[in-house]
Amino acid sequence: MLWEWQRTSLTEVAELVVSELMTNSVTATKAIDSLCPVKLWLLSDKSQTLILVADASPHPPKRIDPETSTEAGRGLLLVEAITSDWGWYPVHRNGMAKVVWAILENNTVSRIPPAAGT
């Protein structure tokens, strides 16, 4: 979709955000033994791209404190660091209980820290 929208500069960061949000949603859905699918939407205009992920878990996403947690559970910290904004809201439709969203601005790519050793 990003290629069609001529937003290929967002590909890496979008892949990372989608991966983190989808992983969290699949984990949350499994935790409540739901058979409902996890759903993904991408929306874009000329200045930003919106990523939305819906799941059946009524529990809000948890932002883990990096000072007190282990390696696991830091995905939302990463999403927070590389997006211009993120959040969630409850829904009650088609088996879905919440939607987690993140916004990527066209200049988001510059917010990704360089990989180690580069």
N, C-alpha and C. Protein backbone atom coordinates (compact mmCIF):
# COMPACT_ATOMS: atom_id res chain seq x y z
N MET A 1 0.82 -1.19 0.00
CA MET A 1 0.00 0.00 0.00
C MET A 1 0.86 1.26 0.00
N LEU A 2 1.93 1.25 0.76
CA LEU A 2 2.78 2.44 0.81
C LEU A 2 3.39 2.75 -0.55
N TRP A 3 3.70 1.71 -1.31
CA TRP A 3 4.22 1.93 -2.66
C TRP A 3 3.15 2.59 -3.52
N GLU A 4 1.91 2.08 -3.45
CA GLU A 4 0.83 2.69 -4.23
C GLU A 4 0.58 4.14 -3.85
N TRP A 5 0.73 4.45 -2.57
CA TRP A 5 0.50 5.81 -2.08
C TRP A 5 1.74 6.70 -2.24
N GLN A 6 2.78 6.17 -2.81
CA GLN A 6 4.06 6.87 -2.98
C GLN A 6 4.62 7.32 -1.64
N ARG A 7 4.58 6.43 -0.68
CA ARG A 7 5.11 6.66 0.67
C ARG A 7 6.17 5.61 1.01
N THR A 8 6.97 5.22 0.02
CA THR A 8 7.95 4.17 0.24
C THR A 8 9.00 4.54 1.28
N SER A 9 9.20 5.81 1.54
CA SER A 9 10.17 6.20 2.57
C SER A 9 9.72 5.76 3.97
N LEU A 10 8.45 5.43 4.12
CA LEU A 10 7.92 4.98 5.41
C LEU A 10 7.94 3.47 5.57
N THR A 11 8.41 2.75 4.58
CA THR A 11 8.29 1.29 4.58
C THR A 11 8.89 0.64 5.82
N GLU A 12 10.13 0.95 6.14
CA GLU A 12 10.79 0.31 7.29
C GLU A 12 10.07 0.59 8.60
N VAL A 13 9.77 1.85 8.85
CA VAL A 13 9.12 2.18 10.11
C VAL A 13 7.69 1.60 10.16
N ALA A 14 6.99 1.61 9.04
CA ALA A 14 5.64 1.04 9.01
C ALA A 14 5.68 -0.46 9.28
N GLU A 15 6.64 -1.15 8.67
CA GLU A 15 6.78 -2.59 8.92
C GLU A 15 7.03 -2.87 10.40
N LEU A 16 7.87 -2.08 11.02
CA LEU A 16 8.18 -2.26 12.43
C LEU A 16 6.96 -2.00 13.30
N VAL A 17 6.24 -0.92 13.03
CA VAL A 17 5.05 -0.59 13.83
C VAL A 17 3.96 -1.65 13.63
N VAL A 18 3.72 -2.05 12.39
CA VAL A 18 2.72 -3.09 12.14
C VAL A 18 3.11 -4.38 12.86
N SER A 19 4.38 -4.75 12.79
CA SER A 19 4.84 -5.96 13.45
C SER A 19 4.59 -5.90 14.96
N GLU A 20 4.94 -4.78 15.59
CA GLU A 20 4.75 -4.65 17.04
C GLU A 20 3.26 -4.67 17.42
N LEU A 21 2.44 -3.89 16.70
CA LEU A 21 1.02 -3.83 17.04
C LEU A 21 0.30 -5.14 16.77
N MET A 22 0.64 -5.80 15.66
CA MET A 22 0.03 -7.09 15.35
C MET A 22 0.44 -8.15 16.36
N THR A 23 1.71 -8.17 16.73
CA THR A 23 2.17 -9.13 17.74
C THR A 23 1.43 -8.94 19.05
N ASN A 24 1.29 -7.69 19.48
CA ASN A 24 0.56 -7.41 20.72
C ASN A 24 -0.89 -7.87 20.61
N SER A 25 -1.53 -7.61 19.46
CA SER A 25 -2.93 -7.98 19.29
C SER A 25 -3.12 -9.49 19.25
N VAL A 26 -2.25 -10.19 18.56
CA VAL A 26 -2.35 -11.65 18.52
C VAL A 26 -2.14 -12.22 19.92
N THR A 27 -1.16 -11.71 20.65
CA THR A 27 -0.90 -12.17 22.01
C THR A 27 -2.10 -11.90 22.92
N ALA A 28 -2.68 -10.70 22.82
CA ALA A 28 -3.84 -10.35 23.65
C ALA A 28 -5.05 -11.21 23.30
N THR A 29 -5.24 -11.51 22.03
CA THR A 29 -6.37 -12.32 21.60
C THR A 29 -6.21 -13.77 22.07
N LYS A 30 -5.01 -14.29 21.98
CA LYS A 30 -4.75 -15.65 22.47
C LYS A 30 -4.97 -15.74 23.98
N ALA A 31 -4.59 -14.69 24.70
CA ALA A 31 -4.69 -14.70 26.16
C ALA A 31 -6.13 -14.83 26.64
N ILE A 32 -7.09 -14.38 25.84
CA ILE A 32 -8.50 -14.49 26.25
C ILE A 32 -9.20 -15.64 25.52
N ASP A 33 -8.42 -16.49 24.84
CA ASP A 33 -8.95 -17.65 24.11
C ASP A 33 -10.01 -17.27 23.09
N SER A 34 -9.82 -16.18 22.41
CA SER A 34 -10.76 -15.73 21.39
C SER A 34 -10.41 -16.33 20.04
N LEU A 35 -11.44 -16.62 19.26
CA LEU A 35 -11.24 -17.10 17.89
C LEU A 35 -11.41 -15.98 16.88
N CYS A 36 -11.69 -14.76 17.36
CA CYS A 36 -11.88 -13.62 16.47
C CYS A 36 -10.54 -13.24 15.83
N PRO A 37 -10.56 -12.86 14.57
CA PRO A 37 -9.31 -12.47 13.91
C PRO A 37 -8.84 -11.10 14.38
N VAL A 38 -7.56 -10.87 14.20
CA VAL A 38 -6.97 -9.55 14.40
C VAL A 38 -7.10 -8.84 13.05
N LYS A 39 -7.45 -7.56 13.08
CA LYS A 39 -7.66 -6.82 11.83
C LYS A 39 -6.69 -5.65 11.73
N LEU A 40 -6.27 -5.35 10.49
CA LEU A 40 -5.32 -4.29 10.23
C LEU A 40 -5.88 -3.36 9.16
N TRP A 41 -5.74 -2.05 9.39
CA TRP A 41 -6.10 -1.05 8.39
C TRP A 41 -4.94 -0.08 8.24
N LEU A 42 -4.73 0.40 7.02
CA LEU A 42 -3.78 1.46 6.74
C LEU A 42 -4.54 2.56 6.02
N LEU A 43 -4.37 3.79 6.47
CA LEU A 43 -4.99 4.96 5.84
C LEU A 43 -3.90 5.99 5.64
N SER A 44 -4.01 6.79 4.57
CA SER A 44 -2.97 7.78 4.33
C SER A 44 -3.51 8.97 3.57
N ASP A 45 -2.89 10.11 3.81
CA ASP A 45 -3.11 11.30 3.00
C ASP A 45 -1.72 11.82 2.62
N LYS A 46 -1.60 13.01 2.17
CA LYS A 46 -0.31 13.51 1.71
C LYS A 46 0.69 13.77 2.84
N SER A 47 0.23 13.85 4.09
CA SER A 47 1.15 14.21 5.16
C SER A 47 1.38 13.12 6.20
N GLN A 48 0.49 12.14 6.29
CA GLN A 48 0.66 11.12 7.32
C GLN A 48 -0.01 9.81 6.93
N THR A 49 0.42 8.75 7.62
CA THR A 49 -0.15 7.42 7.44
C THR A 49 -0.63 6.95 8.81
N LEU A 50 -1.83 6.39 8.84
CA LEU A 50 -2.44 5.89 10.07
C LEU A 50 -2.49 4.37 10.00
N ILE A 51 -1.96 3.72 11.03
CA ILE A 51 -2.00 2.27 11.16
C ILE A 51 -2.97 1.96 12.29
N LEU A 52 -3.95 1.09 12.03
CA LEU A 52 -4.91 0.67 13.03
C LEU A 52 -4.93 -0.84 13.12
N VAL A 53 -4.93 -1.38 14.34
CA VAL A 53 -5.00 -2.82 14.55
C VAL A 53 -6.08 -3.07 15.59
N ALA A 54 -7.04 -3.94 15.24
CA ALA A 54 -8.16 -4.25 16.14
C ALA A 54 -8.06 -5.69 16.61
N ASP A 55 -8.50 -5.92 17.85
CA ASP A 55 -8.54 -7.29 18.37
C ASP A 55 -9.71 -7.44 19.34
N ALA A 56 -9.90 -8.65 19.81
CA ALA A 56 -11.06 -8.96 20.66
C ALA A 56 -10.81 -8.76 22.15
N SER A 57 -9.59 -8.46 22.54
CA SER A 57 -9.28 -8.30 23.96
C SER A 57 -9.76 -6.94 24.47
N PRO A 58 -10.51 -6.93 25.57
CA PRO A 58 -10.96 -5.66 26.13
C PRO A 58 -9.88 -4.95 26.94
N HIS A 59 -8.75 -5.61 27.15
CA HIS A 59 -7.70 -5.04 28.00
C HIS A 59 -6.89 -4.00 27.21
N PRO A 60 -6.68 -2.82 27.79
CA PRO A 60 -5.90 -1.80 27.09
C PRO A 60 -4.45 -2.23 26.92
N PRO A 61 -3.79 -1.70 25.90
CA PRO A 61 -2.36 -2.03 25.74
C PRO A 61 -1.57 -1.49 26.92
N LYS A 62 -0.54 -2.22 27.32
CA LYS A 62 0.27 -1.80 28.46
C LYS A 62 1.64 -1.35 27.98
N ARG A 63 1.96 -0.13 28.36
CA ARG A 63 3.29 0.42 28.08
C ARG A 63 4.18 0.04 29.25
N ILE A 64 5.18 -0.78 29.00
CA ILE A 64 6.05 -1.31 30.04
C ILE A 64 7.12 -0.28 30.42
N ASP A 65 7.41 -0.20 31.71
CA ASP A 65 8.48 0.68 32.19
C ASP A 65 9.82 0.01 31.90
N PRO A 66 10.67 0.63 31.06
CA PRO A 66 11.94 -0.02 30.69
C PRO A 66 12.89 -0.21 31.87
N GLU A 67 12.72 0.56 32.90
CA GLU A 67 13.60 0.46 34.06
C GLU A 67 13.33 -0.79 34.90
N THR A 68 12.08 -1.27 34.86
CA THR A 68 11.71 -2.39 35.73
C THR A 68 11.36 -3.66 34.99
N SER A 69 11.35 -3.63 33.66
CA SER A 69 10.94 -4.82 32.92
C SER A 69 12.13 -5.52 32.28
N THR A 70 11.88 -6.74 31.86
CA THR A 70 12.89 -7.49 31.13
C THR A 70 12.83 -7.07 29.66
N GLU A 71 13.49 -7.81 28.82
CA GLU A 71 13.52 -7.50 27.38
C GLU A 71 12.13 -7.51 26.77
N ALA A 72 11.28 -8.43 27.20
CA ALA A 72 9.93 -8.57 26.62
C ALA A 72 9.05 -7.39 27.02
N GLY A 73 8.10 -7.07 26.16
CA GLY A 73 7.12 -6.06 26.49
C GLY A 73 7.50 -4.64 26.18
N ARG A 74 8.53 -4.44 25.40
CA ARG A 74 8.98 -3.08 25.09
C ARG A 74 8.48 -2.57 23.75
N GLY A 75 7.62 -3.30 23.09
CA GLY A 75 7.15 -2.94 21.76
C GLY A 75 6.47 -1.59 21.71
N LEU A 76 5.63 -1.29 22.70
CA LEU A 76 4.93 0.00 22.69
C LEU A 76 5.89 1.16 22.93
N LEU A 77 6.97 0.92 23.66
CA LEU A 77 7.98 1.97 23.82
C LEU A 77 8.62 2.29 22.48
N LEU A 78 8.87 1.25 21.70
CA LEU A 78 9.42 1.44 20.37
C LEU A 78 8.43 2.18 19.48
N VAL A 79 7.17 1.76 19.51
CA VAL A 79 6.13 2.43 18.73
C VAL A 79 6.07 3.90 19.12
N GLU A 80 6.10 4.18 20.41
CA GLU A 80 6.06 5.56 20.89
C GLU A 80 7.26 6.37 20.40
N ALA A 81 8.41 5.73 20.35
CA ALA A 81 9.64 6.43 19.96
C ALA A 81 9.69 6.77 18.48
N ILE A 82 9.10 5.95 17.63
CA ILE A 82 9.28 6.15 16.19
C ILE A 82 8.03 6.67 15.48
N THR A 83 6.94 6.87 16.20
CA THR A 83 5.74 7.43 15.58
C THR A 83 5.49 8.83 16.14
N SER A 84 4.67 9.59 15.45
CA SER A 84 4.37 10.93 15.96
C SER A 84 3.32 10.87 17.06
N ASP A 85 2.50 9.81 17.08
CA ASP A 85 1.51 9.62 18.14
C ASP A 85 0.96 8.21 18.04
N TRP A 86 0.43 7.71 19.15
CA TRP A 86 -0.23 6.41 19.16
C TRP A 86 -1.24 6.41 20.30
N GLY A 87 -2.15 5.48 20.28
CA GLY A 87 -3.14 5.36 21.34
C GLY A 87 -4.07 4.20 21.06
N TRP A 88 -5.18 4.19 21.76
CA TRP A 88 -6.15 3.11 21.56
C TRP A 88 -7.53 3.62 21.94
N TYR A 89 -8.55 2.92 21.50
CA TYR A 89 -9.92 3.23 21.90
C TYR A 89 -10.74 1.94 21.88
N PRO A 90 -11.76 1.88 22.75
CA PRO A 90 -12.61 0.68 22.78
C PRO A 90 -13.60 0.69 21.62
N VAL A 91 -13.94 -0.49 21.15
CA VAL A 91 -15.00 -0.68 20.16
C VAL A 91 -15.83 -1.89 20.58
N HIS A 92 -17.03 -1.97 20.07
CA HIS A 92 -17.89 -3.11 20.36
C HIS A 92 -18.63 -3.48 19.09
N ARG A 93 -17.86 -4.05 18.15
CA ARG A 93 -18.45 -4.40 16.86
C ARG A 93 -17.72 -5.58 16.25
N ASN A 94 -18.47 -6.50 15.69
CA ASN A 94 -17.92 -7.66 14.96
C ASN A 94 -16.86 -8.42 15.76
N GLY A 95 -17.07 -8.58 17.05
CA GLY A 95 -16.13 -9.33 17.88
C GLY A 95 -14.91 -8.55 18.31
N MET A 96 -14.79 -7.31 17.88
CA MET A 96 -13.64 -6.49 18.25
C MET A 96 -13.93 -5.75 19.55
N ALA A 97 -12.91 -5.59 20.39
CA ALA A 97 -13.06 -4.89 21.66
C ALA A 97 -12.22 -3.62 21.74
N LYS A 98 -11.14 -3.56 20.96
CA LYS A 98 -10.32 -2.34 20.98
C LYS A 98 -9.57 -2.19 19.67
N VAL A 99 -9.17 -0.94 19.41
CA VAL A 99 -8.32 -0.61 18.27
C VAL A 99 -7.12 0.16 18.80
N VAL A 100 -5.93 -0.28 18.42
CA VAL A 100 -4.69 0.44 18.74
C VAL A 100 -4.24 1.09 17.45
N TRP A 101 -3.85 2.37 17.54
CA TRP A 101 -3.48 3.13 16.34
C TRP A 101 -2.13 3.82 16.52
N ALA A 102 -1.50 4.10 15.40
CA ALA A 102 -0.24 4.86 15.39
C ALA A 102 -0.20 5.71 14.13
N ILE A 103 0.36 6.91 14.27
CA ILE A 103 0.47 7.84 13.14
C ILE A 103 1.93 7.99 12.75
N LEU A 104 2.17 7.86 11.45
CA LEU A 104 3.50 8.09 10.88
C LEU A 104 3.43 9.35 10.04
N GLU A 105 4.23 10.33 10.38
CA GLU A 105 4.34 11.53 9.57
C GLU A 105 5.31 11.23 8.43
N ASN A 106 5.26 12.01 7.36
CA ASN A 106 6.18 11.78 6.25
C ASN A 106 7.63 11.84 6.67
N ASN A 107 7.95 12.58 7.73
CA ASN A 107 9.34 12.68 8.19
C ASN A 107 9.65 11.68 9.30
N THR A 108 8.81 10.69 9.54
CA THR A 108 9.01 9.72 10.61
C THR A 108 10.29 8.93 10.45
N VAL A 109 10.69 8.66 9.23
CA VAL A 109 11.86 7.82 8.98
C VAL A 109 13.09 8.34 9.72
N SER A 110 13.25 9.64 9.80
CA SER A 110 14.41 10.21 10.47
C SER A 110 14.40 9.96 11.97
N ARG A 111 13.28 9.50 12.53
CA ARG A 111 13.17 9.25 13.96
C ARG A 111 13.64 7.86 14.35
N ILE A 112 13.94 7.00 13.37
CA ILE A 112 14.39 5.64 13.68
C ILE A 112 15.85 5.70 14.05
N PRO A 113 16.22 5.17 15.24
CA PRO A 113 17.63 5.18 15.61
C PRO A 113 18.41 4.26 14.67
N PRO A 114 19.67 4.61 14.36
CA PRO A 114 20.47 3.74 13.49
C PRO A 114 20.71 2.39 14.14
N ALA A 115 20.84 1.35 13.33
CA ALA A 115 21.11 0.02 13.83
C ALA A 115 22.52 -0.02 14.44
N ALA A 116 22.68 -0.90 15.39
CA ALA A 116 23.99 -1.04 16.04
C ALA A 116 25.05 -1.43 15.01
N GLY A 117 26.18 -0.80 15.09
CA GLY A 117 27.28 -1.10 14.19
C GLY A 117 27.25 -0.36 12.88
N THR A 118 26.30 0.58 12.71
CA THR A 118 26.25 1.33 11.45
C THR A 118 26.71 2.74 11.66
